[in-house]
Amino acid sequence: MGRMGRLIIVGIWVISICFGCGSDVRPKLRRYEENPDGIQKNPLPEPKRLFLDNGKVRLGIDLNAGGAITYLAEGTSGVNMVNNADLGRQLQTSLYSGPVPYSVNGKDPVAKWIGLGWNPVQTGDVHNNPAQVISHQQTGNTQLYVKTIPNIWPLLAEPADCVMEHWIELRDNTVHVRSRTTINRADTTQYEARTQEAPCVYLNGPYTRIITYTGLNPFTNDVVNEFKPDHGITDRYATENWAALLNASGRGVGLYRANEFRFITAYFGAPGVGTEYDVSSSYMAAVPFEVLDHNRVYEFEYDLIIGSLDDIRQFAYRQTRPATVPDFRFSGSRARWFYYNTRDTGWPVGNELNVRWARTDTTKASFQIKSPAVYWKATDVPVLEIEAAFSTPATTARLSWRQPGDVDFLALPTRTLDFPITGDGVYRTYRISLAGKPGWQDIINQIGLEPTPGQPARSTATVRIRRIGLGR
């Protein structure tokens, strides 16, 4: 979340790896103590912490900071690793949707954060007003539940029109967290997918070693990638689904999200110095694109691993491996797919996706239906099957794909394949042969569906999709 400062990038990612057009949330360095924008800030509220402790991990949530995790220490060290310089750091959930800018109840966003849009933050707002905890429950020394009305970050003391719930459990040297946000917005517009901080992790200045695995041979004990603490927000294609922040002794925190490949990392301030209320901080987050409908229930789970790099990586290796071939079934879920310049019929999802096969904004050249980030070997996917019903005058559609290193979907013969469709609204299984297709090689990290340029269009055209998977 980067409450030193944050920047919205609309469109493609500008650094490293991009996983599809949309609105992409980026922290940006700003010295907290200088407050160069003159934003009115209250003193931080006094902590009101509840603790869990199993002898290997000591964890605290703060009831005066939205119930977010504000304390995390290894064993009996007594050293809190979590940074709490303002009410936008911590270890928490931060979500994003439109409109941009977002104003409500006569309140406008501070100028610095006008590009954030609808941004409920578990801990509080830019003015250091804490989010409201409406209930909590502790079970012994290993389980906590907390229910929060988050604040809209750029507005002054404005509760968000959603409720966040978090279930926290200590398990040996790990913390398992389940997050559920129930949205209840009066604005029923379906805004474009945005990257979410699900979750974000801020640790103190000494945690300067930023490590993950971005190679193309995951789960083989290949050499990891370590990055110097001199970079701003940088995309990481984390092919083993984890990232870590460690100190000079090689101890710290790992973040694992099953089947999630989109992470970002950064370091803010002077490397190696500072405690929980100082500006210096290392940062990591899992950042999937999600459409957050006005009535959506958005859920995800993650694990924190406290210990060494080997502890963190071996935990990831013990989990169920991410899917290595496509198997998306759209029954009650978008299966994490999202859209650029089009929309579906909304939440809840029935037994299919029902998407406009047309542009929402006709001033833009096209539209696209996009998969989440994936890791597939092209040779493992010789045939792709799409079970779909097109209602359109077009006679072909286009499959697009990306490979690691592509800055976005590329309109190249080596990244696209047009296939015939029948636009009568009847379900058919389209088998797309990809074996031997130029460019369908090595690693595939995202696919998309879009119209073939030059094909006839209709504003009322639709596509209904039940399944996208490996050809039988």
Protein backbone atom coordinates (compact mmCIF):
# COMPACT_ATOMS: atom_id res chain seq x y z
CA MET A 1 0.00 0.00 0.00
CA GLY A 2 2.99 2.27 0.46
CA ARG A 3 1.60 4.94 2.74
CA MET A 4 4.81 6.87 2.31
CA GLY A 5 3.10 7.50 -0.97
CA ARG A 6 1.30 5.64 -3.69
CA LEU A 7 0.95 5.90 -7.43
CA ILE A 8 -1.71 4.52 -9.74
CA ILE A 9 -0.61 3.30 -13.15
CA VAL A 10 -3.54 2.91 -15.53
CA GLY A 11 -2.86 0.59 -18.43
CA ILE A 12 0.20 -1.62 -18.63
CA TRP A 13 2.82 -2.13 -15.96
CA VAL A 14 5.84 0.02 -16.58
CA ILE A 15 8.44 -2.16 -14.87
CA SER A 16 9.36 -5.76 -15.53
CA ILE A 17 6.37 -8.06 -16.03
CA CYS A 18 2.81 -7.04 -16.90
CA PHE A 19 -0.13 -9.40 -16.49
CA GLY A 20 -2.78 -7.47 -18.37
CA CYS A 21 -4.23 -4.04 -18.82
CA GLY A 22 -6.19 -2.57 -15.97
CA SER A 23 -5.55 -0.26 -13.07
CA ASP A 24 -2.38 -1.17 -11.23
CA VAL A 25 -1.72 0.10 -7.70
CA ARG A 26 1.83 1.08 -6.81
CA PRO A 27 3.38 2.37 -3.57
CA LYS A 28 5.84 5.22 -4.09
CA LEU A 29 8.44 6.62 -1.71
CA ARG A 30 7.55 9.65 0.35
CA ARG A 31 9.16 10.60 3.63
CA TYR A 32 6.47 10.20 6.23
CA GLU A 33 7.93 12.70 8.69
CA GLU A 34 8.23 15.48 6.14
CA ASN A 35 4.58 15.30 5.01
CA PRO A 36 5.44 17.43 1.95
CA ASP A 37 1.82 17.67 0.82
CA GLY A 38 0.62 19.25 4.04
CA ILE A 39 -2.00 16.56 4.65
CA GLN A 40 -3.73 16.92 8.01
CA LYS A 41 -2.64 13.98 10.14
CA ASN A 42 -3.74 12.96 13.60
CA PRO A 43 -1.28 11.39 16.02
CA LEU A 44 -1.24 7.61 15.71
CA PRO A 45 -3.72 6.09 18.18
CA GLU A 46 -2.28 4.23 21.15
CA PRO A 47 -2.01 0.51 20.33
CA LYS A 48 -4.65 -1.80 21.76
CA ARG A 49 -3.22 -5.19 20.94
CA LEU A 50 -4.42 -8.74 21.34
CA PHE A 51 -1.71 -11.41 21.17
CA LEU A 52 -1.36 -15.00 20.04
CA ASP A 53 1.72 -16.97 21.08
CA ASN A 54 2.62 -20.62 20.50
CA GLY A 55 6.27 -20.36 21.53
CA LYS A 56 7.50 -20.17 17.95
CA VAL A 57 5.52 -17.14 16.78
CA ARG A 58 4.13 -14.17 18.70
CA LEU A 59 1.49 -12.21 16.77
CA GLY A 60 -0.54 -9.16 17.69
CA ILE A 61 -3.50 -7.45 16.08
CA ASP A 62 -4.38 -3.87 16.99
CA LEU A 63 -7.99 -3.01 17.74
CA ASN A 64 -7.03 0.65 17.23
CA ALA A 65 -5.75 -0.13 13.73
CA GLY A 66 -8.65 -2.00 12.19
CA GLY A 67 -7.59 -5.32 13.70
CA ALA A 68 -4.65 -5.56 11.29
CA ILE A 69 -1.52 -7.51 12.21
CA THR A 70 0.79 -4.92 13.78
CA TYR A 71 3.12 -7.22 15.71
CA LEU A 72 5.00 -10.30 14.54
CA ALA A 73 8.01 -11.73 16.33
CA GLU A 74 9.94 -14.97 16.09
CA GLY A 75 9.86 -17.14 19.22
CA THR A 76 10.79 -15.25 22.37
CA SER A 77 12.93 -12.64 20.59
CA GLY A 78 10.60 -9.79 21.54
CA VAL A 79 11.57 -7.99 18.31
CA ASN A 80 8.55 -6.76 16.36
CA MET A 81 9.19 -7.07 12.63
CA VAL A 82 6.07 -5.18 11.43
CA ASN A 83 6.32 -1.52 10.41
CA ASN A 84 3.67 0.83 11.84
CA ALA A 85 4.82 4.28 10.74
CA ASP A 86 1.27 5.24 9.70
CA LEU A 87 -2.14 3.60 9.30
CA GLY A 88 -1.43 2.32 5.81
CA ARG A 89 1.44 -0.04 6.50
CA GLN A 90 1.17 -3.04 8.82
CA LEU A 91 0.21 -6.44 7.49
CA GLN A 92 -3.26 -5.98 6.10
CA THR A 93 -5.81 -6.02 3.27
CA SER A 94 -6.24 -3.08 0.89
CA LEU A 95 -8.70 -3.24 -2.02
CA TYR A 96 -9.33 -1.12 -5.12
CA SER A 97 -12.14 -0.33 -7.53
CA GLY A 98 -13.65 2.66 -9.35
CA PRO A 99 -14.59 5.33 -9.86
CA VAL A 100 -11.45 7.39 -10.13
CA PRO A 101 -11.53 9.86 -8.47
CA TYR A 102 -13.89 8.75 -5.71
CA SER A 103 -15.85 11.31 -3.68
CA VAL A 104 -18.73 10.65 -1.30
CA ASN A 105 -20.75 12.44 1.40
CA GLY A 106 -19.27 15.79 0.40
CA LYS A 107 -15.71 14.53 0.88
CA ASP A 108 -13.09 14.68 -1.84
CA PRO A 109 -9.81 12.76 -1.89
CA VAL A 110 -6.62 14.54 -0.92
CA ALA A 111 -4.89 15.69 -4.08
CA LYS A 112 -1.95 13.35 -3.64
CA TRP A 113 -4.18 10.27 -3.80
CA ILE A 114 -6.86 11.40 -6.22
CA GLY A 115 -6.00 8.50 -8.51
CA LEU A 116 -6.73 5.76 -5.99
CA GLY A 117 -10.47 5.62 -6.46
CA TRP A 118 -12.53 3.46 -4.11
CA ASN A 119 -9.85 2.15 -1.74
CA PRO A 120 -10.99 0.50 1.51
CA VAL A 121 -8.01 0.01 3.83
CA GLN A 122 -8.21 -2.30 6.82
CA THR A 123 -6.18 -0.10 9.16
CA GLY A 124 -7.43 3.43 8.50
CA ASP A 125 -7.01 6.51 6.31
CA VAL A 126 -4.32 8.96 5.22
CA HIS A 127 -5.23 11.24 8.14
CA ASN A 128 -4.46 8.47 10.68
CA ASN A 129 -8.12 7.88 11.53
CA PRO A 130 -8.32 4.19 12.45
CA ALA A 131 -10.85 1.84 10.89
CA GLN A 132 -13.58 0.59 13.21
CA VAL A 133 -13.41 -2.91 14.67
CA ILE A 134 -17.01 -4.01 15.20
CA SER A 135 -16.33 -7.44 16.70
CA HIS A 136 -13.50 -9.77 17.58
CA GLN A 137 -12.99 -13.12 19.25
CA GLN A 138 -9.93 -14.91 20.57
CA THR A 139 -9.77 -18.69 20.98
CA GLY A 140 -6.92 -19.72 23.22
CA ASN A 141 -3.40 -18.71 22.27
CA THR A 142 -3.58 -19.64 18.59
CA GLN A 143 -6.75 -18.23 16.96
CA LEU A 144 -8.24 -14.78 16.41
CA TYR A 145 -11.22 -13.45 14.47
CA VAL A 146 -11.74 -9.76 13.73
CA LYS A 147 -14.48 -7.91 11.84
CA THR A 148 -13.77 -4.41 10.55
CA ILE A 149 -15.40 -1.54 8.71
CA PRO A 150 -12.38 -0.22 6.79
CA ASN A 151 -11.81 3.42 5.90
CA ILE A 152 -11.46 4.89 2.42
CA TRP A 153 -7.76 5.78 2.40
CA PRO A 154 -7.79 9.17 0.57
CA LEU A 155 -10.87 10.57 2.38
CA LEU A 156 -11.22 12.08 5.85
CA ALA A 157 -12.75 9.61 8.33
CA GLU A 158 -14.99 7.96 5.72
CA PRO A 159 -16.07 4.38 6.47
CA ALA A 160 -16.07 2.18 3.39
CA ASP A 161 -19.27 0.51 2.20
CA CYS A 162 -17.94 -2.96 2.91
CA VAL A 163 -16.99 -5.18 5.83
CA MET A 164 -13.72 -7.07 6.18
CA GLU A 165 -13.35 -10.25 8.21
CA HIS A 166 -10.10 -12.02 9.04
CA TRP A 167 -9.51 -15.39 10.65
CA ILE A 168 -5.95 -15.79 11.96
CA GLU A 169 -4.41 -19.04 13.19
CA LEU A 170 -0.90 -19.91 14.38
CA ARG A 171 0.36 -23.21 13.00
CA ASP A 172 3.85 -24.15 14.18
CA ASN A 173 6.14 -21.44 12.71
CA THR A 174 3.46 -20.17 10.31
CA VAL A 175 0.38 -17.97 10.39
CA HIS A 176 -2.63 -18.90 8.27
CA VAL A 177 -5.01 -16.06 7.40
CA ARG A 178 -8.39 -16.18 5.70
CA SER A 179 -9.78 -12.86 4.48
CA ARG A 180 -13.35 -12.13 3.42
CA THR A 181 -14.69 -8.76 2.30
CA THR A 182 -18.44 -8.32 1.84
CA ILE A 183 -19.15 -5.33 -0.39
CA ASN A 184 -22.43 -3.40 -0.23
CA ARG A 185 -22.14 -0.39 -2.51
CA ALA A 186 -25.04 1.74 -3.69
CA ASP A 187 -23.11 2.38 -6.91
CA THR A 188 -23.89 -0.70 -9.02
CA THR A 189 -21.47 0.13 -11.85
CA GLN A 190 -19.11 -2.71 -12.77
CA TYR A 191 -15.72 -1.02 -12.82
CA GLU A 192 -12.66 -2.50 -14.48
CA ALA A 193 -10.49 -4.95 -12.60
CA ARG A 194 -7.81 -3.44 -10.39
CA THR A 195 -4.81 -4.98 -8.71
CA GLN A 196 -5.49 -5.75 -5.06
CA GLU A 197 -3.05 -5.81 -2.15
CA ALA A 198 -4.11 -9.21 -0.91
CA PRO A 199 -2.27 -8.86 1.40
CA CYS A 200 0.48 -6.26 1.77
CA VAL A 201 3.37 -6.75 4.20
CA TYR A 202 5.54 -3.95 5.60
CA LEU A 203 8.54 -4.93 7.73
CA ASN A 204 11.05 -2.71 9.50
CA GLY A 205 14.26 -1.28 8.08
CA PRO A 206 16.61 -4.17 8.99
CA TYR A 207 14.73 -6.58 6.68
CA THR A 208 16.70 -5.59 3.61
CA ARG A 209 17.03 -8.95 1.86
CA ILE A 210 14.25 -9.23 -0.70
CA ILE A 211 14.04 -12.74 -2.09
CA THR A 212 11.78 -14.83 -4.31
CA TYR A 213 12.11 -17.25 -7.19
CA THR A 214 11.38 -15.81 -10.62
CA GLY A 215 13.04 -18.53 -12.67
CA LEU A 216 11.40 -20.87 -15.14
CA ASN A 217 12.20 -24.14 -13.35
CA PRO A 218 10.05 -23.90 -10.22
CA PHE A 219 10.03 -26.49 -7.46
CA THR A 220 13.42 -27.88 -8.47
CA ASN A 221 15.53 -26.16 -5.77
CA ASP A 222 16.93 -23.89 -8.47
CA VAL A 223 18.88 -20.81 -7.31
CA VAL A 224 16.61 -18.11 -5.84
CA ASN A 225 16.61 -14.45 -6.86
CA GLU A 226 17.74 -11.86 -4.31
CA PHE A 227 17.25 -8.14 -4.93
CA LYS A 228 19.07 -5.19 -3.40
CA PRO A 229 17.07 -2.79 -1.20
CA ASP A 230 17.51 0.06 -3.65
CA HIS A 231 14.49 -0.42 -5.88
CA GLY A 232 11.04 1.04 -5.98
CA ILE A 233 7.98 -1.06 -6.64
CA THR A 234 9.00 -3.88 -8.95
CA ASP A 235 6.94 -6.71 -10.41
CA ARG A 236 7.92 -10.28 -9.59
CA TYR A 237 6.72 -13.28 -11.58
CA ALA A 238 6.96 -15.55 -8.52
CA THR A 239 6.78 -18.99 -10.09
CA GLU A 240 6.86 -20.77 -6.71
CA ASN A 241 4.08 -18.53 -5.28
CA TRP A 242 6.10 -16.92 -2.47
CA ALA A 243 8.27 -13.92 -1.61
CA ALA A 244 10.36 -13.16 1.49
CA LEU A 245 11.83 -10.26 3.47
CA LEU A 246 14.85 -11.24 5.60
CA ASN A 247 17.41 -9.50 7.81
CA ALA A 248 21.20 -9.80 7.67
CA SER A 249 21.02 -12.96 9.79
CA GLY A 250 18.75 -14.60 7.22
CA ARG A 251 15.61 -14.51 9.40
CA GLY A 252 12.31 -12.88 8.59
CA VAL A 253 8.92 -13.44 6.99
CA GLY A 254 7.77 -15.24 3.87
CA LEU A 255 4.44 -14.63 2.15
CA TYR A 256 2.84 -17.59 0.37
CA ARG A 257 -0.36 -17.51 -1.70
CA ALA A 258 -1.44 -20.71 -3.38
CA ASN A 259 -1.54 -20.48 -7.19
CA GLU A 260 -0.61 -16.78 -7.14
CA PHE A 261 2.22 -15.62 -9.41
CA ARG A 262 1.79 -11.84 -9.21
CA PHE A 263 3.87 -10.26 -6.45
CA ILE A 264 5.51 -6.87 -6.06
CA THR A 265 8.39 -5.87 -3.77
CA ALA A 266 10.09 -2.62 -2.73
CA TYR A 267 12.23 -0.92 -0.13
CA PHE A 268 11.60 2.58 1.23
CA GLY A 269 13.99 4.79 3.17
CA ALA A 270 17.50 4.13 4.46
CA PRO A 271 18.37 0.41 4.24
CA GLY A 272 19.07 -1.46 7.44
CA VAL A 273 17.90 0.99 10.08
CA GLY A 274 14.73 1.74 11.98
CA THR A 275 12.07 0.24 14.21
CA GLU A 276 8.32 -0.02 13.85
CA TYR A 277 7.55 3.71 13.94
CA ASP A 278 10.39 4.76 11.61
CA VAL A 279 9.97 5.44 7.89
CA SER A 280 12.40 2.80 6.58
CA SER A 281 10.55 -0.30 5.49
CA SER A 282 10.71 -3.26 3.18
CA TYR A 283 7.54 -4.25 1.36
CA MET A 284 5.94 -7.15 -0.47
CA ALA A 285 2.42 -7.91 -1.62
CA ALA A 286 0.42 -10.41 -3.62
CA VAL A 287 -1.40 -8.37 -6.26
CA PRO A 288 -4.00 -10.25 -8.31
CA PHE A 289 -6.34 -8.42 -10.66
CA GLU A 290 -9.95 -8.70 -9.48
CA VAL A 291 -13.32 -7.27 -10.49
CA LEU A 292 -14.92 -6.05 -7.26
CA ASP A 293 -18.65 -5.83 -7.95
CA HIS A 294 -20.94 -3.66 -5.83
CA ASN A 295 -22.28 -6.76 -4.06
CA ARG A 296 -19.31 -9.10 -4.29
CA VAL A 297 -17.95 -11.28 -1.51
CA TYR A 298 -14.18 -11.37 -2.11
CA GLU A 299 -12.23 -14.09 -0.31
CA PHE A 300 -8.61 -15.21 -0.29
CA GLU A 301 -6.17 -17.05 1.97
CA TYR A 302 -2.46 -16.74 2.59
CA ASP A 303 0.29 -17.98 4.85
CA LEU A 304 3.11 -16.18 6.64
CA ILE A 305 6.20 -18.25 7.35
CA ILE A 306 8.50 -16.99 10.11
CA GLY A 307 12.09 -18.19 9.96
CA SER A 308 14.82 -18.77 7.38
CA LEU A 309 14.78 -18.85 3.60
CA ASP A 310 14.86 -22.64 3.74
CA ASP A 311 11.87 -22.65 6.13
CA ILE A 312 9.92 -20.43 3.74
CA ARG A 313 10.75 -22.26 0.55
CA GLN A 314 10.22 -25.72 1.98
CA PHE A 315 6.79 -24.65 3.27
CA ALA A 316 5.87 -23.68 -0.30
CA TYR A 317 7.22 -26.99 -1.58
CA ARG A 318 4.98 -28.93 0.82
CA GLN A 319 1.80 -27.27 -0.47
CA THR A 320 -0.34 -28.41 -3.38
CA ARG A 321 1.43 -27.33 -6.55
CA PRO A 322 -0.13 -24.69 -8.80
CA ALA A 323 -1.96 -25.85 -11.90
CA THR A 324 0.38 -26.68 -14.79
CA VAL A 325 -2.32 -26.85 -17.48
CA PRO A 326 -5.52 -24.83 -18.02
CA ASP A 327 -8.63 -25.98 -16.17
CA PHE A 328 -10.97 -23.02 -15.68
CA ARG A 329 -14.60 -23.82 -14.87
CA PHE A 330 -16.90 -20.86 -14.51
CA SER A 331 -19.50 -22.20 -12.11
CA GLY A 332 -20.21 -19.72 -9.33
CA SER A 333 -16.91 -17.96 -9.97
CA ARG A 334 -14.96 -15.99 -12.56
CA ALA A 335 -12.04 -18.31 -11.74
CA ARG A 336 -10.00 -15.09 -11.36
CA TRP A 337 -10.51 -14.03 -14.98
CA PHE A 338 -11.04 -10.32 -15.61
CA TYR A 339 -11.78 -7.86 -18.40
CA TYR A 340 -10.37 -4.94 -20.31
CA ASN A 341 -12.94 -2.56 -21.83
CA THR A 342 -15.86 -4.95 -21.46
CA ARG A 343 -17.94 -6.41 -18.63
CA ASP A 344 -20.05 -9.37 -17.63
CA THR A 345 -23.53 -9.66 -16.10
CA GLY A 346 -22.22 -9.23 -12.57
CA TRP A 347 -22.11 -10.99 -9.25
CA PRO A 348 -23.07 -13.61 -8.29
CA VAL A 349 -21.77 -15.68 -11.20
CA GLY A 350 -24.09 -18.51 -12.25
CA ASN A 351 -22.95 -21.59 -14.15
CA GLU A 352 -21.19 -19.57 -16.85
CA LEU A 353 -19.48 -16.31 -17.61
CA ASN A 354 -21.78 -14.05 -19.63
CA VAL A 355 -19.62 -11.33 -21.15
CA ARG A 356 -20.31 -8.55 -23.64
CA TRP A 357 -18.42 -9.35 -26.85
CA ALA A 358 -18.14 -5.63 -27.49
CA ARG A 359 -16.29 -2.54 -26.32
CA THR A 360 -17.56 -0.59 -23.31
CA ASP A 361 -15.65 2.49 -24.43
CA THR A 362 -15.88 2.74 -28.20
CA THR A 363 -13.02 5.24 -28.32
CA LYS A 364 -10.67 2.39 -27.42
CA ALA A 365 -9.52 0.06 -30.16
CA SER A 366 -10.60 -3.26 -28.70
CA PHE A 367 -11.51 -5.30 -25.61
CA GLN A 368 -10.18 -8.46 -24.01
CA ILE A 369 -11.15 -11.24 -21.61
CA LYS A 370 -8.05 -12.13 -19.58
CA SER A 371 -6.87 -15.08 -17.53
CA PRO A 372 -5.01 -14.72 -14.25
CA ALA A 373 -1.25 -15.17 -14.30
CA VAL A 374 -0.28 -18.81 -14.89
CA TYR A 375 2.76 -21.04 -15.40
CA TRP A 376 2.31 -23.58 -18.21
CA LYS A 377 4.82 -25.32 -20.39
CA ALA A 378 3.60 -24.86 -23.95
CA THR A 379 4.37 -28.48 -24.76
CA ASP A 380 1.93 -29.55 -22.01
CA VAL A 381 -0.92 -27.69 -23.74
CA PRO A 382 -1.00 -28.86 -27.38
CA VAL A 383 -4.75 -28.25 -27.62
CA LEU A 384 -6.92 -25.69 -25.83
CA GLU A 385 -10.66 -26.27 -25.51
CA ILE A 386 -13.15 -23.46 -25.04
CA GLU A 387 -16.75 -24.40 -24.25
CA ALA A 388 -18.59 -21.26 -25.30
CA ALA A 389 -21.66 -19.79 -26.98
CA PHE A 390 -20.97 -16.75 -29.14
CA SER A 391 -23.78 -14.39 -30.16
CA THR A 392 -22.10 -12.17 -32.72
CA PRO A 393 -21.97 -11.53 -36.47
CA ALA A 394 -18.23 -12.27 -36.35
CA THR A 395 -17.02 -15.58 -37.77
CA THR A 396 -13.66 -15.73 -35.97
CA ALA A 397 -12.28 -14.85 -32.54
CA ARG A 398 -8.69 -14.43 -31.39
CA LEU A 399 -6.70 -16.30 -28.75
CA SER A 400 -3.76 -14.28 -27.41
CA TRP A 401 -0.99 -15.36 -25.06
CA ARG A 402 1.99 -13.97 -23.23
CA GLN A 403 5.38 -15.24 -22.21
CA PRO A 404 7.64 -14.09 -19.35
CA GLY A 405 9.32 -10.88 -20.41
CA ASP A 406 6.45 -9.66 -22.60
CA VAL A 407 5.44 -6.23 -21.32
CA ASP A 408 1.82 -6.89 -22.28
CA PHE A 409 -0.21 -8.85 -24.81
CA LEU A 410 1.51 -8.31 -28.16
CA ALA A 411 -0.37 -8.12 -31.46
CA LEU A 412 2.14 -10.37 -33.21
CA PRO A 413 1.69 -13.54 -35.30
CA THR A 414 3.80 -15.33 -32.66
CA ARG A 415 1.39 -14.35 -29.87
CA THR A 416 -2.05 -14.72 -31.48
CA LEU A 417 -4.20 -17.27 -33.26
CA ASP A 418 -7.58 -16.63 -34.87
CA PHE A 419 -10.05 -19.50 -34.76
CA PRO A 420 -13.47 -19.97 -36.41
CA ILE A 421 -16.62 -19.45 -34.35
CA THR A 422 -20.36 -19.75 -34.97
CA GLY A 423 -22.24 -16.74 -33.65
CA ASP A 424 -25.73 -18.25 -33.22
CA GLY A 425 -25.71 -18.34 -29.40
CA VAL A 426 -25.45 -22.15 -29.21
CA TYR A 427 -22.87 -23.79 -26.96
CA ARG A 428 -20.01 -25.50 -28.80
CA THR A 429 -16.62 -26.84 -27.83
CA TYR A 430 -13.93 -25.05 -29.80
CA ARG A 431 -10.71 -27.06 -30.09
CA ILE A 432 -7.72 -24.84 -30.82
CA SER A 433 -4.64 -26.74 -31.95
CA LEU A 434 -1.50 -25.01 -30.67
CA ALA A 435 1.21 -27.64 -31.12
CA GLY A 436 3.76 -26.33 -33.58
CA LYS A 437 2.19 -22.88 -33.72
CA PRO A 438 5.03 -20.29 -33.97
CA GLY A 439 5.38 -18.58 -30.60
CA TRP A 440 3.50 -21.25 -28.63
CA GLN A 441 6.68 -22.42 -26.96
CA ASP A 442 8.63 -22.39 -23.69
CA ILE A 443 6.52 -20.90 -20.86
CA ILE A 444 3.05 -19.35 -21.19
CA ASN A 445 2.09 -16.99 -18.36
CA GLN A 446 -1.30 -15.59 -19.47
CA ILE A 447 -3.94 -16.05 -22.15
CA GLY A 448 -6.77 -13.88 -23.40
CA LEU A 449 -9.75 -13.83 -25.75
CA GLU A 450 -10.52 -10.86 -27.98
CA PRO A 451 -12.16 -10.02 -31.31
CA THR A 452 -10.28 -10.59 -34.53
CA PRO A 453 -9.48 -7.15 -35.99
CA GLY A 454 -11.69 -6.32 -38.95
CA GLN A 455 -14.48 -8.74 -38.05
CA PRO A 456 -18.06 -7.41 -37.96
CA ALA A 457 -19.17 -6.18 -34.54
CA ARG A 458 -22.45 -5.55 -32.76
CA SER A 459 -22.94 -3.61 -29.52
CA THR A 460 -25.28 -6.30 -28.16
CA ALA A 461 -22.94 -9.22 -28.94
CA THR A 462 -22.11 -11.62 -26.11
CA VAL A 463 -20.11 -14.71 -25.31
CA ARG A 464 -21.07 -17.22 -22.65
CA ILE A 465 -18.27 -19.46 -21.40
CA ARG A 466 -18.52 -22.56 -19.23
CA ARG A 467 -15.00 -23.93 -19.44
CA ILE A 468 -11.52 -23.22 -20.78
CA GLY A 469 -9.19 -26.16 -20.40
CA LEU A 470 -6.75 -28.66 -21.81
CA GLY A 471 -7.99 -30.33 -24.97
CA ARG A 472 -9.10 -33.89 -24.47
